[in-house]
Amino acid sequence: MDIMNQGKHVFSQLVEFLPKRVFDCIVMRYQGDKYIKSFGCWNQLLVMMFGQLSGCESLRKIACIATAHVSKTYHLGFGRSIITRSNFAKANANRDSKIFEEFAYKMISIARSKRITREFEIAGQLTAKKYPSPIRRIVYYSKEHRRSFTYLTNSLTTRAEHIALLYKNRWQVELFFKWIKQHLHVKSFWGVTENAVRIRELF
């Protein structure tokens, strides 16, 4: 990989963003490195990341790339031992996957705390005249759906979580009315409260 910023590999620079101390605590809790002298869980994590970023499709390819970079593996964080297909496969087969799963959710949690929120004004002359107030753009990561959602709102002070929850509840209401139209012969509701709507469902 390319070298920049005082001789550091690009991959090494990316790794610096990872909270290694958090990962080490998780490894200790699951005793992931017990009796391990080389190629620990941290090394395994970095090799997996390197393989993913390099577009590797097999353990053999990852091992080949690691061998080609054998003089740099220590600086890339892969450890001092030679990475072979067999020891990599053994690590993947025997180590508790919860170590990496828990760390992944931790990283997601960190990402969620750094949500993107930005205010802007509509640029179109006609549209801007109709709606001159600032608009807020929120990017929210949903752990449940494992994807990001983008929302637009004119509420500049409400927390991002609350905005996302309001949109989620609004969607649930739309799904509820869609279900009613498909399954019930209800032309009108005999009340506007939630309780009145629920009772109307029964008749």
Foldseek 3Di string as FASTA:
>chain_A
DDADDVGADPLLVVCVVAPVVVLVVLCVVQVQCVVPDWQGPQLLVLLVVVCVVVVPDALQVSLVVCVVCLVCSVSSPNTNDRDDSVVSVVSVVPGDCVSVVVSVVVVVVVVQVVKDKDKDADDDPVVCVVPVQIKMWTWGADPVVRGIDIDIDSDPPDDPVVVVVVVVVVVVVVVVVVVCVVPPPDPDFPDDDPVSRVVVSVD
